[in-house]
Protein backbone atom coordinates (compact mmCIF):
# COMPACT_ATOMS: atom_id res chain seq x y z
CA UNK A 1 5.86 -7.76 18.78
CA UNK A 2 2.27 -8.42 19.80
CA UNK A 3 0.19 -10.92 17.87
CA UNK A 4 -3.58 -11.13 17.77
CA UNK A 5 -5.11 -14.17 16.08
CA UNK A 6 -8.71 -14.25 14.95
CA UNK A 7 -11.09 -16.04 12.60
CA UNK A 8 -11.58 -19.36 14.33
CA UNK A 9 -14.96 -20.94 14.85
CA UNK A 10 -17.17 -23.94 14.27
CA UNK A 11 -17.48 -25.23 10.73
CA UNK A 12 -18.75 -28.38 9.06
CA UNK A 13 -16.45 -30.79 7.29
CA UNK A 14 -15.46 -29.60 3.81
CA UNK A 15 -16.09 -26.02 4.89
CA UNK A 16 -13.65 -23.11 4.92
CA UNK A 17 -12.28 -20.58 7.36
CA UNK A 18 -9.73 -17.80 7.10
CA UNK A 19 -7.57 -17.08 10.09
CA UNK A 20 -5.83 -13.75 10.51
CA UNK A 21 -2.91 -12.76 12.69
CA UNK A 22 -2.40 -9.05 13.20
CA UNK A 23 1.05 -8.04 14.34
CA UNK A 24 1.97 -4.81 16.06
CA UNK A 25 5.19 -3.43 17.39
CA UNK A 26 8.34 -1.87 16.07
CA UNK A 27 9.63 -4.89 14.15
CA UNK A 28 6.33 -6.49 13.20
CA UNK A 29 6.69 -5.85 9.47
CA UNK A 30 10.07 -7.57 9.19
CA UNK A 31 9.17 -10.85 10.82
CA UNK A 32 8.93 -14.34 9.45
CA UNK A 33 5.59 -15.78 10.50
CA UNK A 34 4.25 -19.22 11.19
CA UNK A 35 1.03 -20.99 12.05
CA UNK A 36 0.98 -23.92 14.43
CA UNK A 37 -1.86 -25.89 15.93
CA UNK A 38 -2.47 -28.00 18.96
CA UNK A 39 -5.26 -30.52 19.20
CA UNK A 40 -6.53 -31.79 22.57
CA UNK A 41 -4.08 -34.27 24.04
CA UNK A 42 -1.53 -33.73 21.29
CA UNK A 43 1.66 -31.76 20.90
CA UNK A 44 1.80 -28.50 19.01
CA UNK A 45 2.51 -29.08 15.33
CA UNK A 46 3.65 -26.99 12.41
CA UNK A 47 1.03 -25.92 9.88
CA UNK A 48 2.56 -23.26 7.63
CA UNK A 49 5.23 -20.58 7.51
CA UNK A 50 6.02 -17.56 5.36
CA UNK A 51 9.10 -15.39 5.03
CA UNK A 52 8.78 -11.69 5.81
CA UNK A 53 9.26 -10.86 2.15
CA UNK A 54 6.29 -13.11 1.38
CA UNK A 55 8.14 -14.79 -1.47
CA UNK A 56 8.72 -18.10 0.32
CA UNK A 57 6.19 -20.27 2.10
CA UNK A 58 5.94 -23.81 3.36
CA UNK A 59 2.98 -25.97 4.34
CA UNK A 60 2.82 -29.19 6.33
CA UNK A 61 2.04 -32.26 4.24
CA UNK A 62 -1.19 -32.75 6.17
CA UNK A 63 -2.58 -29.41 4.97
CA UNK A 64 -0.87 -28.99 1.61
CA UNK A 65 -3.32 -28.23 -1.20
CA UNK A 66 -5.99 -27.31 1.37
CA UNK A 67 -4.44 -24.49 3.40
CA UNK A 68 -2.64 -21.41 2.11
CA UNK A 69 -0.58 -18.95 4.11
CA UNK A 70 -0.23 -15.39 2.87
CA UNK A 71 0.63 -11.97 4.22
CA UNK A 72 -0.20 -8.34 3.72
CA UNK A 73 2.83 -6.42 4.95
CA UNK A 74 1.31 -2.91 4.80
CA UNK A 75 -1.37 -4.24 7.16
CA UNK A 76 1.09 -6.30 9.22
CA UNK A 77 -1.27 -9.24 8.91
CA UNK A 78 -0.75 -12.89 8.04
CA UNK A 79 -3.58 -15.10 6.88
CA UNK A 80 -4.25 -18.80 6.80
CA UNK A 81 -6.91 -19.74 4.28
CA UNK A 82 -8.25 -23.16 5.22
CA UNK A 83 -10.36 -25.05 2.70
CA UNK A 84 -11.79 -28.58 2.70
CA UNK A 85 -11.58 -28.69 6.48
CA UNK A 86 -11.73 -32.08 8.13
CA UNK A 87 -12.49 -33.07 11.74
CA UNK A 88 -8.80 -33.83 12.24
CA UNK A 89 -8.08 -30.14 11.65
CA UNK A 90 -9.82 -29.35 14.94
CA UNK A 91 -7.31 -27.57 17.16
CA UNK A 92 -6.27 -24.29 18.65
CA UNK A 93 -4.32 -22.41 16.00
CA UNK A 94 -1.45 -20.17 17.03
CA UNK A 95 0.48 -17.63 15.01
CA UNK A 96 4.11 -16.97 15.75
CA UNK A 97 6.70 -14.42 14.71
CA UNK A 98 10.45 -14.26 14.34
CA UNK A 99 11.49 -10.67 13.69
CA UNK A 100 14.85 -9.39 12.55
CA UNK A 101 15.57 -12.21 10.14
CA UNK A 102 16.58 -12.30 6.50
CA UNK A 103 13.96 -11.75 3.82
CA UNK A 104 13.73 -15.43 2.87
CA UNK A 105 14.08 -17.14 6.23
CA UNK A 106 11.36 -19.20 7.85
CA UNK A 107 11.19 -22.35 9.94
CA UNK A 108 9.00 -25.32 10.78
CA UNK A 109 10.50 -25.41 14.28
CA UNK A 110 8.33 -23.78 16.92
CA UNK A 111 11.40 -23.01 19.04
CA UNK A 112 12.70 -20.68 16.34
CA UNK A 113 9.83 -18.26 16.88
CA UNK A 114 10.12 -15.58 19.54
CA UNK A 115 6.56 -14.29 19.84
CA UNK A 116 3.23 -16.09 19.98
CA UNK A 117 -0.38 -15.08 19.71
CA UNK A 118 -3.06 -16.23 22.09
CA UNK A 119 -4.55 -18.81 19.75
CA UNK A 120 -7.88 -19.12 17.99
CA UNK A 121 -9.98 -22.25 18.22
CA UNK A 122 -11.12 -24.14 15.14
CA UNK A 123 -13.69 -26.90 15.47
CA UNK A 124 -14.68 -28.99 12.47
CA UNK A 125 -17.75 -31.16 12.81
CA UNK A 126 -18.31 -34.27 10.73
């Protein structure tokens, strides 16, 4: 599975961005997906995850009610809609995939994911 993340950029506080992660490869459509982020000097942290069926999702408390993960399986693409962005959301955002799992499975643990995208940088100015 190859993952290509896009959509990052510079935005003012309270602005919005939509990240996309396009997956390719034989098992791309049957993969649970996650978004993680890593701010300068900090460890990578969980942001959101979605099952490959798309019927289950989970968001970190820090982004709940502001960010929404979704997926379009025919397009093999996962999205992260980010609203009401704050400077503390500044980070490199990575998408990750775990193929070959059950329809409802997902995880907040980065070690569970087998494939990672290259990351897209999000900078939020105050």
